[in-house]
């Protein structure tokens, strides 16, 4: 798993790129409604905020809850892998929705 700082930076970068594409498309395709693009940019900002919040989780167990350190590390690793997988799935699904909305505006 990447560390939390790297994940947050990657999320911020990806959302910034999507928002930038919206601004570019808004200028390029002048026959579209700017308010629709603004709504998509707002959705991207909300996606970024939610995804960053999902990165900021802690393992709720302490080493004393396990028989030894090896079991604790294994459980912690498993927990964070599950969190990372869920975050990746969430980002993929939401990004696909946003890109679909962007494509729908361009086809008008």
C-alpha atoms as a PDB file:
ATOM      1  CA  UNK A   1       0.000   0.000   0.000  1.00  0.00           C
ATOM      2  CA  UNK A   2       1.188   3.467  -0.751  1.00  0.00           C
ATOM      3  CA  UNK A   3       1.359   5.712   2.229  1.00  0.00           C
ATOM      4  CA  UNK A   4      -1.524   8.058   3.018  1.00  0.00           C
ATOM      5  CA  UNK A   5       0.321  11.140   1.858  1.00  0.00           C
ATOM      6  CA  UNK A   6       0.997   9.648  -1.588  1.00  0.00           C
ATOM      7  CA  UNK A   7      -2.616   8.490  -1.930  1.00  0.00           C
ATOM      8  CA  UNK A   8      -3.947  11.928  -1.031  1.00  0.00           C
ATOM      9  CA  UNK A   9      -1.619  13.563  -3.560  1.00  0.00           C
ATOM     10  CA  UNK A  10      -2.672  11.098  -6.277  1.00  0.00           C
ATOM     11  CA  UNK A  11      -6.354  11.748  -5.565  1.00  0.00           C
ATOM     12  CA  UNK A  12      -5.823  15.505  -5.634  1.00  0.00           C
ATOM     13  CA  UNK A  13      -3.877  15.254  -8.883  1.00  0.00           C
ATOM     14  CA  UNK A  14      -6.496  13.042 -10.583  1.00  0.00           C
ATOM     15  CA  UNK A  15      -9.378  15.265  -9.522  1.00  0.00           C
ATOM     16  CA  UNK A  16      -7.465  18.369 -10.577  1.00  0.00           C
ATOM     17  CA  UNK A  17      -6.888  16.850 -14.008  1.00  0.00           C
ATOM     18  CA  UNK A  18     -10.591  16.055 -14.399  1.00  0.00           C
ATOM     19  CA  UNK A  19     -11.570  19.588 -13.359  1.00  0.00           C
ATOM     20  CA  UNK A  20      -9.009  21.017 -15.761  1.00  0.00           C
ATOM     21  CA  UNK A  21     -10.526  18.988 -18.585  1.00  0.00           C
ATOM     22  CA  UNK A  22     -13.921  20.459 -17.693  1.00  0.00           C
ATOM     23  CA  UNK A  23     -12.566  24.012 -17.953  1.00  0.00           C
ATOM     24  CA  UNK A  24     -10.865  23.188 -21.240  1.00  0.00           C
ATOM     25  CA  UNK A  25     -14.022  21.598 -22.655  1.00  0.00           C
ATOM     26  CA  UNK A  26     -16.152  24.510 -21.483  1.00  0.00           C
ATOM     27  CA  UNK A  27     -13.958  26.895 -23.483  1.00  0.00           C
ATOM     28  CA  UNK A  28     -13.645  24.599 -26.499  1.00  0.00           C
ATOM     29  CA  UNK A  29     -17.294  23.580 -26.833  1.00  0.00           C
ATOM     30  CA  UNK A  30     -19.031  26.932 -26.568  1.00  0.00           C
ATOM     31  CA  UNK A  31     -22.473  25.549 -27.404  1.00  0.00           C
ATOM     32  CA  UNK A  32     -22.702  23.829 -24.001  1.00  0.00           C
ATOM     33  CA  UNK A  33     -24.207  25.309 -20.868  1.00  0.00           C
ATOM     34  CA  UNK A  34     -21.487  26.590 -18.457  1.00  0.00           C
ATOM     35  CA  UNK A  35     -23.687  25.782 -15.463  1.00  0.00           C
ATOM     36  CA  UNK A  36     -23.605  22.105 -16.412  1.00  0.00           C
ATOM     37  CA  UNK A  37     -19.799  22.183 -16.406  1.00  0.00           C
ATOM     38  CA  UNK A  38     -19.833  23.959 -13.038  1.00  0.00           C
ATOM     39  CA  UNK A  39     -22.003  21.178 -11.604  1.00  0.00           C
ATOM     40  CA  UNK A  40     -19.524  18.567 -12.838  1.00  0.00           C
ATOM     41  CA  UNK A  41     -16.600  20.497 -11.307  1.00  0.00           C
ATOM     42  CA  UNK A  42     -18.526  20.613  -8.019  1.00  0.00           C
ATOM     43  CA  UNK A  43     -19.054  16.836  -8.231  1.00  0.00           C
ATOM     44  CA  UNK A  44     -15.303  16.418  -8.760  1.00  0.00           C
ATOM     45  CA  UNK A  45     -14.560  18.560  -5.704  1.00  0.00           C
ATOM     46  CA  UNK A  46     -16.961  16.494  -3.615  1.00  0.00           C
ATOM     47  CA  UNK A  47     -15.360  13.294  -4.930  1.00  0.00           C
ATOM     48  CA  UNK A  48     -11.939  14.592  -3.928  1.00  0.00           C
ATOM     49  CA  UNK A  49     -13.087  15.540  -0.436  1.00  0.00           C
ATOM     50  CA  UNK A  50     -14.799  12.198   0.142  1.00  0.00           C
ATOM     51  CA  UNK A  51     -11.872  10.177  -1.220  1.00  0.00           C
ATOM     52  CA  UNK A  52      -9.343  12.044   0.932  1.00  0.00           C
ATOM     53  CA  UNK A  53     -11.566  11.436   3.961  1.00  0.00           C
ATOM     54  CA  UNK A  54     -11.651   7.727   3.142  1.00  0.00           C
ATOM     55  CA  UNK A  55      -7.835   7.649   3.096  1.00  0.00           C
ATOM     56  CA  UNK A  56      -7.688   9.130   6.582  1.00  0.00           C
ATOM     57  CA  UNK A  57      -8.557   5.987   8.534  1.00  0.00           C
ATOM     58  CA  UNK A  58      -6.756   4.301  11.384  1.00  0.00           C
ATOM     59  CA  UNK A  59      -6.484   0.669  12.351  1.00  0.00           C
ATOM     60  CA  UNK A  60      -8.776   0.332  15.355  1.00  0.00           C
ATOM     61  CA  UNK A  61      -6.813  -2.425  17.099  1.00  0.00           C
ATOM     62  CA  UNK A  62      -3.677  -2.243  19.226  1.00  0.00           C
ATOM     63  CA  UNK A  63      -0.853  -4.770  19.485  1.00  0.00           C
ATOM     64  CA  UNK A  64      -2.148  -5.880  22.897  1.00  0.00           C
ATOM     65  CA  UNK A  65      -5.257  -7.291  21.169  1.00  0.00           C
ATOM     66  CA  UNK A  66      -3.141  -9.956  19.440  1.00  0.00           C
ATOM     67  CA  UNK A  67      -1.048 -12.859  20.649  1.00  0.00           C
ATOM     68  CA  UNK A  68       2.131 -11.463  19.114  1.00  0.00           C
ATOM     69  CA  UNK A  69       3.469  -8.698  16.892  1.00  0.00           C
ATOM     70  CA  UNK A  70       3.398 -10.849  13.772  1.00  0.00           C
ATOM     71  CA  UNK A  71      -0.372 -11.370  14.014  1.00  0.00           C
ATOM     72  CA  UNK A  72      -0.888  -7.651  14.633  1.00  0.00           C
ATOM     73  CA  UNK A  73       1.139  -6.674  11.560  1.00  0.00           C
ATOM     74  CA  UNK A  74      -0.684  -9.219   9.415  1.00  0.00           C
ATOM     75  CA  UNK A  75      -4.116  -7.997  10.562  1.00  0.00           C
ATOM     76  CA  UNK A  76      -3.081  -4.362  10.079  1.00  0.00           C
ATOM     77  CA  UNK A  77      -1.752  -5.047   6.576  1.00  0.00           C
ATOM     78  CA  UNK A  78      -4.936  -6.930   5.645  1.00  0.00           C
ATOM     79  CA  UNK A  79      -7.087  -4.088   6.967  1.00  0.00           C
ATOM     80  CA  UNK A  80      -5.261  -1.410   4.986  1.00  0.00           C
ATOM     81  CA  UNK A  81      -5.271  -3.518   1.809  1.00  0.00           C
ATOM     82  CA  UNK A  82      -9.054  -3.792   2.117  1.00  0.00           C
ATOM     83  CA  UNK A  83      -9.331  -0.042   2.652  1.00  0.00           C
ATOM     84  CA  UNK A  84      -7.148   0.647  -0.379  1.00  0.00           C
ATOM     85  CA  UNK A  85      -9.161  -1.766  -2.531  1.00  0.00           C
ATOM     86  CA  UNK A  86     -12.455  -0.156  -1.466  1.00  0.00           C
ATOM     87  CA  UNK A  87     -11.035   3.301  -2.148  1.00  0.00           C
ATOM     88  CA  UNK A  88      -9.866   2.249  -5.606  1.00  0.00           C
ATOM     89  CA  UNK A  89     -13.293   0.819  -6.410  1.00  0.00           C
ATOM     90  CA  UNK A  90     -15.004   3.990  -5.169  1.00  0.00           C
ATOM     91  CA  UNK A  91     -12.715   6.268  -7.188  1.00  0.00           C
ATOM     92  CA  UNK A  92     -13.178   4.184 -10.340  1.00  0.00           C
ATOM     93  CA  UNK A  93     -16.967   4.125 -10.106  1.00  0.00           C
ATOM     94  CA  UNK A  94     -17.312   7.823  -9.320  1.00  0.00           C
ATOM     95  CA  UNK A  95     -14.767   8.846 -11.964  1.00  0.00           C
ATOM     96  CA  UNK A  96     -16.642   6.830 -14.573  1.00  0.00           C
ATOM     97  CA  UNK A  97     -19.875   8.629 -13.637  1.00  0.00           C
ATOM     98  CA  UNK A  98     -18.183  12.022 -13.932  1.00  0.00           C
ATOM     99  CA  UNK A  99     -16.522  11.212 -17.245  1.00  0.00           C
ATOM    100  CA  UNK A 100     -19.855   9.914 -18.531  1.00  0.00           C
ATOM    101  CA  UNK A 101     -21.493  13.226 -17.594  1.00  0.00           C
ATOM    102  CA  UNK A 102     -18.679  15.109 -19.320  1.00  0.00           C
ATOM    103  CA  UNK A 103     -19.073  13.029 -22.482  1.00  0.00           C
ATOM    104  CA  UNK A 104     -22.835  13.574 -22.451  1.00  0.00           C
ATOM    105  CA  UNK A 105     -22.309  17.348 -22.480  1.00  0.00           C
ATOM    106  CA  UNK A 106     -19.831  17.208 -25.335  1.00  0.00           C
ATOM    107  CA  UNK A 107     -22.127  15.145 -27.568  1.00  0.00           C
ATOM    108  CA  UNK A 108     -24.823  17.841 -27.531  1.00  0.00           C
END
